Structures are given as C-alpha cells and as structure tokens.
Amino acid sequence: MRTGSKSLLIVPAEGLRCLISAITRVCRRGPSETTAAKKFRGRFDSATRSLSRSMDVVALAFSTSTRLRATILSRIEIMGGAGILLAAILCGTATAAAPGATSPTAAPRLDLLSLITAAAAILAIGLVVWRRWYRLRGSAWVRPVSPALGLGLFIGMFVLGALGVTVARRMVLGDAPVDAVTDLPLADHARILMGHAAGQALAVVIYLWLCRTGGGRARPTTHAAVATGLLTMFVVWPIVAGTSLVMSSVARVIQGGPVDAIAHDTLAQLAESPAGPWLVVMSIQVVLVAPLLEEVMYRGLLQRTLTSLDLGRWTGIVITSVVFVTMHVGAARWHALPALFVLSLGFGWVYERTGRLAAPIAMHIAFNALNLALAWLTVDA
C-alpha cells in the first residue's frame, strides 16, 4: 500500500521507524539527564571547594594574626627593655648627682652624658633586634681541629702564660711580695706582661699553623673581616657603655658612695703614669698584644672547640664569655664585669659571622684603644 503524493512514496515500515526515531529525539531533549546522585555529588564537590577556600582564608588570617602578635610583642619587649635601661640610668644619675657633685655644673653634664649613652644603647639594641643580627644561620664557619687538640691548646696556652708570668716575676722582683698590680712600677709591670706574652707565643704559633692547614667553607677576606669587626664595634660599644652605666649606678647604691671612674687596674696605672718609653711599651701591649693573645685563646681555641661539640653556636659564645669574664676577676671591678660579658658576646658573634679571627681582634683593639683614651681624658679632667 502506498500513501502520500505522487512525488513522495513512504513504505509503512519506514514510516514507523521514522516515527520512533522522532519520538526518541524529542524525549532526549526534554527532561535533564542529570540524576539525583549526580546532583548531590555536584553539590558536595561545590561545598567541598567552598569549605576548602574558607579554610585557606582562616589559615591565612590566623597566620597573619600570629605574625602580627609576634611583631607587637617583640616591639613591646624592645620598648620595655629600653624603658627599664633608661630608668635605671636616670636613677643612677640622680643618685650620683646629689652627693658626689663637686660643682654646680657637674650634675647637668653627667645627666646629658647618661641620656646620650642611654639613647645610643636603646637604638643599638633596637637595631640588633629589628635586623635580627643575633641569628647565626647561614654564617661562614671554619671547621675546627679536633676538640681534644683545641682544648689541649687552650689549657696549654693558659699554663704557658702563667708560667711566663711566674718566671718574669721572679726575674724582676725576686722574692719580694706584691699585693696588687698597682703596687708595681710601670717598667716592672711591662716586663711581667712581656713574660706572659712570651709564654703564650708558642701556642699562638701552633694555632696559626693549624689554621693554615685546616679547611672549611668560604670565608670573607681578612680586610673584609677587619671592616666588619670595626663596624660591629659601633653597634656593640653603646650597649657596653649602657651596661656599664647601669652597673655603676647599682654599685653606687650598694656601696653608698662614688665608684672608681676607671674600673681596671692596668688602665688606671697607665692613665696615672708619666710619659716615657715604658708607657709606650705598656700601651702597645695593652692595645695590640693583649687583644691578639686573648682572641686566639678564647675565640680561636675555646669557642671553636665548644662549637665543634655540637652544643650550639650561642652556647659556645656564652660559655666562652663566662670564662673570659672570670679571667678578668681581680683586675677589673665587679661592676665592670657585666659590661665585659656583653663585649665578649659581641666578639664571639662577629667571629661566628665571619669565620675570621681578624674580626674580633680588630674589635678588641678598638675597644682597648678607646678605653685607654678615655682613661687619659678622665685623669686629665
């Protein structure tokens, strides 16, 4: 059976197939093919992504608030420490100005000097904390010799120095007892110090030879280390001066009277001695020879050995500074020892930062030269 017009003839079977195909296409275009499970899974993925973004925002906010709190606390600690230092210095200045002023202009000059020193110390401490110069990560370092050899050289240097002092004292003084360094004439004191230096010279030579044969990581040049040491002295000096002022104020309160303006026996003897060749010899030993020997002994041997024992760099610096201060007990007044401890921390820090012994030697020379100049100015005044 044929239907339709003359130009289009459709077989019934073909017509049925076309109708089924058309109905199928209409059904596919009608409702969405997304099932309930797919819809739920899509919503879950979207919620998960949203939750993840929210958690990232919370974590960022928490970390930001943590850094902000740490920054605020560090600033508060700096300001609090600076305020305590300033208050202690001002209290000590007021205590000293009342009973000890010999003229109407003495107290204002002391007040001005204390204020300048306090401001410089506060700025130096704030700069160290703000720039985080106390951190020693990534610092240049030379691997030391074995700890047994380093400690043996340190003890040997100490024993040789004591032996040199004993021999020189016996040659210069004989059996005459001497109670203090200030009881010695300047020439005899200089000869005894020369015996001390001669005794330690052998250990210094051995140390320098070991430094030439030892290896390590790349270090700055000697000139760069000296420059670093001198620049570090500009930061350490105000902190040492502020510590000295605070401890002088404490000593003044404890003793109930004024303290010595020059807190080291050798400096006092040099400042009060007349000009002459032995004054030049003694000054050279104090300014040049003593820093070289002490830095080789404390930083080059002791601190280097302690650091090689994996005690931590700052642990080695602190222990070395304690020993350094202990060796100055008797020669320096007790209220000057904390300032020496702070100074020794600076020596140890610059040695760790540069890996060169020339840096703390340059700092030590500059410190002794400045102290000697101030001692002369104090006596002249």
Protein backbone atom coordinates (compact mmCIF):
# COMPACT_ATOMS: atom_id res chain seq x y z
CA MET A 1 0.00 0.00 0.00
CA ARG A 2 1.33 3.36 -0.99
CA THR A 3 0.31 6.64 0.64
CA GLY A 4 1.09 10.30 0.11
CA SER A 5 1.51 12.28 -3.02
CA LYS A 6 2.89 11.15 -6.24
CA SER A 7 6.27 12.76 -5.55
CA LEU A 8 6.82 11.08 -2.09
CA LEU A 9 6.08 7.45 -1.52
CA ILE A 10 6.55 6.10 2.10
CA VAL A 11 6.55 2.43 2.95
CA PRO A 12 4.67 1.69 6.23
CA ALA A 13 7.70 0.06 7.80
CA GLU A 14 9.85 3.06 7.03
CA GLY A 15 7.23 5.42 8.39
CA LEU A 16 7.07 3.53 11.68
CA ARG A 17 10.85 3.63 12.02
CA CYS A 18 10.92 7.39 11.39
CA LEU A 19 8.18 7.97 13.96
CA ILE A 20 10.08 6.01 16.63
CA SER A 21 13.25 7.92 15.85
CA ALA A 22 11.46 11.27 16.13
CA ILE A 23 9.84 10.34 19.45
CA THR A 24 13.23 9.23 20.83
CA ARG A 25 14.86 12.53 19.85
CA VAL A 26 12.07 14.53 21.50
CA CYS A 27 12.37 12.54 24.73
CA ARG A 28 16.12 13.08 24.91
CA ARG A 29 15.74 16.87 24.51
CA GLY A 30 13.01 17.15 27.14
CA PRO A 31 14.00 16.40 30.75
CA SER A 32 17.60 16.71 32.01
CA GLU A 33 19.71 13.60 32.10
CA THR A 34 21.30 14.63 35.48
CA THR A 35 20.20 12.16 38.12
CA ALA A 36 19.72 12.85 41.84
CA ALA A 37 23.03 11.20 42.70
CA LYS A 38 24.86 13.36 40.20
CA LYS A 39 23.13 16.47 41.52
CA PHE A 40 24.08 15.55 45.12
CA ARG A 41 27.62 14.75 44.09
CA GLY A 42 27.95 18.08 42.30
CA ARG A 43 26.62 19.97 45.30
CA PHE A 44 29.04 18.07 47.57
CA ASP A 45 32.01 18.94 45.35
CA SER A 46 30.98 22.57 45.30
CA ALA A 47 30.53 22.62 49.06
CA THR A 48 33.94 20.96 49.48
CA ARG A 49 35.61 23.56 47.28
CA SER A 50 33.88 26.34 49.17
CA LEU A 51 34.90 24.85 52.52
CA SER A 52 38.49 24.50 51.32
CA ARG A 53 38.59 28.14 50.26
CA SER A 54 37.13 29.14 53.62
CA MET A 55 39.75 27.10 55.48
CA ASP A 56 42.51 28.73 53.42
CA VAL A 57 41.19 32.15 54.34
CA VAL A 58 41.01 31.18 58.03
CA ALA A 59 44.56 29.77 57.96
CA LEU A 60 45.86 32.91 56.26
CA ALA A 61 44.09 35.10 58.79
CA PHE A 62 45.42 33.01 61.68
CA SER A 63 48.99 33.09 60.39
CA THR A 64 48.72 36.82 59.77
CA SER A 65 47.40 37.42 63.27
CA THR A 66 50.20 35.23 64.69
CA ARG A 67 52.86 37.25 62.89
CA LEU A 68 51.15 40.45 63.97
CA ARG A 69 51.07 39.33 67.59
CA ALA A 70 54.72 38.30 67.46
CA THR A 71 55.66 41.65 65.93
CA ILE A 72 53.70 43.57 68.55
CA LEU A 73 55.18 41.52 71.39
CA SER A 74 58.71 41.99 70.08
CA ARG A 75 58.17 45.75 69.84
CA ILE A 76 56.75 45.79 73.35
CA GLU A 77 59.75 43.84 74.65
CA ILE A 78 62.15 46.24 72.97
CA MET A 79 60.34 49.29 74.32
CA GLY A 80 60.05 47.74 77.78
CA GLY A 81 63.73 46.82 77.93
CA ALA A 82 64.70 50.23 76.63
CA GLY A 83 62.48 51.90 79.23
CA ILE A 84 64.00 49.83 82.03
CA LEU A 85 67.51 50.68 80.84
CA LEU A 86 66.68 54.39 80.60
CA ALA A 87 65.02 54.42 84.03
CA ALA A 88 67.98 52.65 85.64
CA ILE A 89 70.45 55.07 84.09
CA LEU A 90 68.42 58.11 85.11
CA CYS A 91 68.03 56.80 88.66
CA GLY A 92 71.74 56.15 88.88
CA THR A 93 72.46 59.61 87.51
CA ALA A 94 70.19 61.23 90.07
CA THR A 95 71.81 59.21 92.85
CA ALA A 96 75.28 60.23 91.73
CA ALA A 97 74.47 63.87 91.18
CA ALA A 98 73.25 64.53 94.73
CA PRO A 99 76.16 63.55 96.98
CA GLY A 100 79.03 63.46 94.52
CA ALA A 101 78.75 66.71 92.64
CA THR A 102 81.64 68.99 93.42
CA SER A 103 80.40 71.90 91.33
CA PRO A 104 77.03 73.18 90.10
CA THR A 105 77.85 72.16 86.54
CA ALA A 106 78.87 68.57 87.33
CA ALA A 107 75.38 67.13 87.60
CA PRO A 108 73.95 68.54 84.31
CA ARG A 109 76.98 67.31 82.39
CA LEU A 110 76.56 63.85 83.88
CA ASP A 111 72.84 63.90 83.11
CA LEU A 112 73.48 64.82 79.49
CA LEU A 113 76.15 62.14 79.08
CA SER A 114 73.90 59.49 80.62
CA LEU A 115 70.98 60.46 78.40
CA ILE A 116 73.12 60.31 75.27
CA THR A 117 74.53 56.93 76.30
CA ALA A 118 71.06 55.58 77.11
CA ALA A 119 69.66 56.75 73.77
CA ALA A 120 72.57 55.21 71.87
CA ALA A 121 72.21 51.91 73.77
CA ILE A 122 68.47 51.79 73.08
CA LEU A 123 68.98 52.46 69.39
CA ALA A 124 71.69 49.80 69.18
CA ILE A 125 69.56 47.14 70.91
CA GLY A 126 66.55 48.02 68.76
CA LEU A 127 68.67 47.80 65.61
CA VAL A 128 70.02 44.37 66.56
CA VAL A 129 66.53 43.01 67.27
CA TRP A 130 64.88 44.67 64.28
CA ARG A 131 67.50 43.46 61.82
CA ARG A 132 67.75 40.08 63.60
CA TRP A 133 71.53 40.24 63.61
CA TYR A 134 71.59 37.83 66.53
CA ARG A 135 70.73 34.97 64.20
CA LEU A 136 73.68 32.85 63.10
CA ARG A 137 72.05 30.67 60.45
CA GLY A 138 73.96 30.51 57.22
CA SER A 139 77.06 32.12 58.74
CA ALA A 140 80.51 31.35 57.42
CA TRP A 141 82.36 28.89 59.62
CA VAL A 142 85.65 27.07 59.52
CA ARG A 143 85.65 23.53 60.78
CA PRO A 144 87.99 23.39 63.79
CA VAL A 145 90.62 20.87 64.65
CA SER A 146 89.67 18.00 66.93
CA PRO A 147 88.09 19.08 70.23
CA ALA A 148 90.81 17.32 72.21
CA LEU A 149 93.54 19.25 70.40
CA GLY A 150 91.69 22.56 70.68
CA LEU A 151 91.01 22.14 74.39
CA GLY A 152 94.57 20.97 74.94
CA LEU A 153 95.94 24.07 73.22
CA PHE A 154 93.66 26.29 75.30
CA ILE A 155 94.82 24.73 78.57
CA GLY A 156 98.41 24.75 77.36
CA MET A 157 98.18 28.42 76.44
CA PHE A 158 96.80 29.24 79.88
CA VAL A 159 99.52 27.22 81.64
CA LEU A 160 102.30 28.69 79.48
CA GLY A 161 101.05 32.21 80.20
CA ALA A 162 101.02 31.57 83.95
CA LEU A 163 104.48 30.03 83.73
CA GLY A 164 105.79 33.04 81.81
CA VAL A 165 104.35 35.41 84.41
CA THR A 166 105.93 33.39 87.23
CA VAL A 167 109.37 33.35 85.62
CA ALA A 168 109.23 37.06 84.72
CA ARG A 169 108.04 37.98 88.21
CA ARG A 170 110.86 36.01 89.78
CA MET A 171 113.40 37.65 87.47
CA VAL A 172 112.07 41.16 88.05
CA LEU A 173 111.06 41.09 91.71
CA GLY A 174 112.87 38.16 93.22
CA ASP A 175 111.14 37.04 96.41
CA ALA A 176 109.51 40.41 97.17
CA PRO A 177 105.74 40.02 97.75
CA VAL A 178 103.36 42.19 95.75
CA ASP A 179 99.75 42.61 96.79
CA ALA A 180 98.32 44.28 93.68
CA VAL A 181 99.24 45.33 90.18
CA THR A 182 99.17 48.99 91.18
CA ASP A 183 102.00 48.33 93.66
CA LEU A 184 104.35 47.57 90.77
CA PRO A 185 106.27 50.25 88.92
CA LEU A 186 105.22 50.61 85.31
CA ALA A 187 108.50 49.20 83.99
CA ASP A 188 108.24 46.06 86.15
CA HIS A 189 104.61 45.56 85.17
CA ALA A 190 105.55 45.84 81.49
CA ARG A 191 108.32 43.25 81.87
CA ILE A 192 105.95 40.79 83.57
CA LEU A 193 103.41 41.20 80.76
CA MET A 194 106.19 40.57 78.26
CA GLY A 195 106.94 37.29 80.03
CA HIS A 196 103.23 36.38 79.81
CA ALA A 197 103.18 37.09 76.07
CA ALA A 198 106.40 35.12 75.51
CA GLY A 199 104.94 32.12 77.32
CA GLN A 200 101.79 32.09 75.18
CA ALA A 201 103.62 32.72 71.90
CA LEU A 202 104.28 29.02 71.28
CA ALA A 203 100.58 28.11 71.47
CA VAL A 204 99.76 31.02 69.16
CA VAL A 205 102.25 29.77 66.57
CA ILE A 206 100.75 26.25 66.71
CA TYR A 207 97.25 27.69 66.34
CA LEU A 208 98.21 29.79 63.30
CA TRP A 209 99.84 26.76 61.68
CA LEU A 210 96.69 24.69 62.21
CA CYS A 211 94.59 27.47 60.68
CA ARG A 212 96.73 27.39 57.53
CA THR A 213 96.42 23.61 57.15
CA GLY A 214 92.72 23.35 58.09
CA GLY A 215 89.88 23.55 55.60
CA GLY A 216 86.43 24.99 55.80
CA ARG A 217 83.72 26.85 53.99
CA ALA A 218 84.35 30.05 52.11
CA ARG A 219 85.14 32.98 54.35
CA PRO A 220 85.44 36.70 53.73
CA THR A 221 88.86 38.17 53.21
CA THR A 222 90.92 39.46 56.12
CA HIS A 223 90.29 43.07 55.10
CA ALA A 224 86.54 42.47 54.94
CA ALA A 225 86.64 40.76 58.36
CA VAL A 226 88.51 43.71 59.89
CA ALA A 227 86.00 46.13 58.40
CA THR A 228 83.13 44.00 59.74
CA GLY A 229 84.69 43.98 63.20
CA LEU A 230 85.12 47.75 63.26
CA LEU A 231 81.55 48.33 62.05
CA THR A 232 80.25 45.89 64.66
CA MET A 233 82.09 47.90 67.30
CA PHE A 234 79.86 50.89 66.51
CA VAL A 235 76.84 48.78 67.50
CA VAL A 236 78.36 46.94 70.47
CA TRP A 237 80.04 49.96 72.07
CA PRO A 238 76.78 51.78 73.04
CA ILE A 239 75.36 48.59 74.56
CA VAL A 240 78.54 48.03 76.57
CA ALA A 241 78.53 51.68 77.69
CA GLY A 242 74.88 51.46 78.73
CA THR A 243 75.53 48.27 80.68
CA SER A 244 78.49 49.93 82.38
CA LEU A 245 76.36 52.92 83.40
CA VAL A 246 73.63 50.71 84.83
CA MET A 247 76.08 48.59 86.84
CA SER A 248 77.93 51.69 88.05
CA SER A 249 74.62 53.04 89.32
CA VAL A 250 73.91 49.75 91.09
CA ALA A 251 77.38 49.73 92.63
CA ARG A 252 76.93 53.33 93.75
CA VAL A 253 73.70 52.42 95.52
CA ILE A 254 75.18 49.31 97.14
CA GLN A 255 78.37 50.97 98.29
CA GLY A 256 76.65 54.17 99.34
CA GLY A 257 79.20 56.36 97.61
CA PRO A 258 81.01 57.04 94.35
CA VAL A 259 82.77 54.29 92.41
CA ASP A 260 86.10 54.37 90.61
CA ALA A 261 85.94 56.21 87.31
CA ILE A 262 88.49 53.77 85.84
CA ALA A 263 87.40 50.22 86.65
CA HIS A 264 90.55 48.37 85.52
CA ASP A 265 93.86 48.35 87.40
CA THR A 266 96.06 48.37 84.30
CA LEU A 267 94.18 51.27 82.72
CA ALA A 268 94.36 53.21 85.97
CA GLN A 269 98.12 52.68 86.15
CA LEU A 270 98.61 53.74 82.53
CA ALA A 271 96.45 56.83 82.96
CA GLU A 272 98.37 57.97 86.05
CA SER A 273 101.90 57.19 84.80
CA PRO A 274 104.11 59.93 83.36
CA ALA A 275 105.16 59.88 79.73
CA GLY A 276 108.18 57.76 78.90
CA PRO A 277 109.40 54.74 76.91
CA TRP A 278 107.86 52.20 79.29
CA LEU A 279 104.49 53.91 78.93
CA VAL A 280 104.74 53.36 75.17
CA VAL A 281 105.74 49.72 75.64
CA MET A 282 102.92 49.11 78.09
CA SER A 283 100.38 50.82 75.84
CA ILE A 284 101.43 48.65 72.89
CA GLN A 285 100.99 45.53 74.99
CA VAL A 286 97.53 46.60 76.17
CA VAL A 287 96.25 47.82 72.79
CA LEU A 288 97.87 45.33 70.39
CA VAL A 289 99.42 42.31 72.10
CA ALA A 290 96.70 41.53 74.64
CA PRO A 291 93.82 41.52 72.10
CA LEU A 292 95.75 39.16 69.81
CA LEU A 293 96.59 36.69 72.59
CA GLU A 294 93.16 36.78 74.22
CA GLU A 295 91.22 36.33 70.98
CA VAL A 296 93.38 33.40 69.92
CA MET A 297 92.88 31.84 73.36
CA TYR A 298 89.17 32.44 73.90
CA ARG A 299 87.62 32.72 70.45
CA GLY A 300 90.12 30.80 68.33
CA LEU A 301 90.57 27.86 70.71
CA LEU A 302 87.87 27.69 73.38
CA GLN A 303 84.83 28.90 71.43
CA ARG A 304 85.90 26.98 68.36
CA THR A 305 86.22 23.79 70.40
CA LEU A 306 82.87 24.24 72.15
CA THR A 307 81.09 24.87 68.86
CA SER A 308 82.59 21.74 67.34
CA LEU A 309 80.97 19.69 70.12
CA ASP A 310 77.52 20.49 68.65
CA LEU A 311 76.49 22.47 71.72
CA GLY A 312 75.12 25.27 69.57
CA ARG A 313 76.86 28.43 68.47
CA TRP A 314 75.30 30.70 71.06
CA THR A 315 76.02 28.15 73.79
CA GLY A 316 79.68 28.21 72.85
CA ILE A 317 79.67 32.01 72.77
CA VAL A 318 78.05 32.29 76.20
CA ILE A 319 80.35 29.73 77.86
CA THR A 320 83.40 31.41 76.34
CA SER A 321 82.18 34.80 77.57
CA VAL A 322 81.73 33.44 81.10
CA VAL A 323 85.31 32.14 81.08
CA PHE A 324 86.53 35.43 79.59
CA VAL A 325 84.89 37.43 82.37
CA THR A 326 86.13 35.03 85.06
CA MET A 327 89.71 35.57 83.93
CA HIS A 328 89.28 39.33 84.45
CA VAL A 329 88.09 39.00 88.05
CA GLY A 330 90.54 40.83 90.26
CA ALA A 331 91.94 43.08 87.55
CA ALA A 332 88.55 44.72 86.91
CA ARG A 333 85.99 45.96 89.42
CA TRP A 334 82.97 43.73 89.93
CA HIS A 335 80.54 46.27 88.45
CA ALA A 336 82.57 46.29 85.21
CA LEU A 337 82.25 42.53 84.66
CA PRO A 338 78.73 42.56 83.09
CA ALA A 339 79.93 45.08 80.51
CA LEU A 340 82.86 42.79 79.70
CA PHE A 341 80.41 39.92 79.31
CA VAL A 342 78.36 41.90 76.78
CA LEU A 343 81.56 42.85 74.97
CA SER A 344 82.66 39.21 74.83
CA LEU A 345 79.28 38.25 73.34
CA GLY A 346 79.97 40.74 70.56
CA PHE A 347 83.43 39.26 69.98
CA GLY A 348 82.01 35.76 69.74
CA TRP A 349 79.17 36.83 67.46
CA VAL A 350 81.41 38.57 64.94
CA TYR A 351 83.75 35.57 64.92
CA GLU A 352 80.87 33.25 64.11
CA ARG A 353 79.56 35.58 61.42
CA THR A 354 82.87 35.99 59.60
CA GLY A 355 84.83 32.86 60.45
CA ARG A 356 87.90 35.08 60.70
CA LEU A 357 89.75 35.77 63.93
CA ALA A 358 90.76 39.14 62.49
CA ALA A 359 87.24 40.49 63.16
CA PRO A 360 87.19 40.08 66.98
CA ILE A 361 90.86 41.11 67.15
CA ALA A 362 90.03 44.38 65.38
CA MET A 363 87.08 44.92 67.74
CA HIS A 364 89.22 44.17 70.80
CA ILE A 365 91.98 46.54 69.66
CA ALA A 366 89.46 49.31 69.06
CA PHE A 367 87.84 48.74 72.47
CA ASN A 368 91.15 48.79 74.36
CA ALA A 369 92.33 51.87 72.47
CA LEU A 370 89.09 53.73 73.22
CA ASN A 371 89.22 52.74 76.88
CA LEU A 372 92.83 53.89 77.18
CA ALA A 373 91.99 57.21 75.55
CA LEU A 374 89.01 57.70 77.87
CA ALA A 375 91.17 56.84 80.89
CA TRP A 376 93.67 59.54 79.92
CA LEU A 377 90.87 62.04 79.38
CA THR A 378 89.37 61.16 82.75
CA VAL A 379 92.65 61.73 84.59
CA ASP A 380 93.25 64.99 82.71
CA ALA A 381 89.76 66.20 83.61
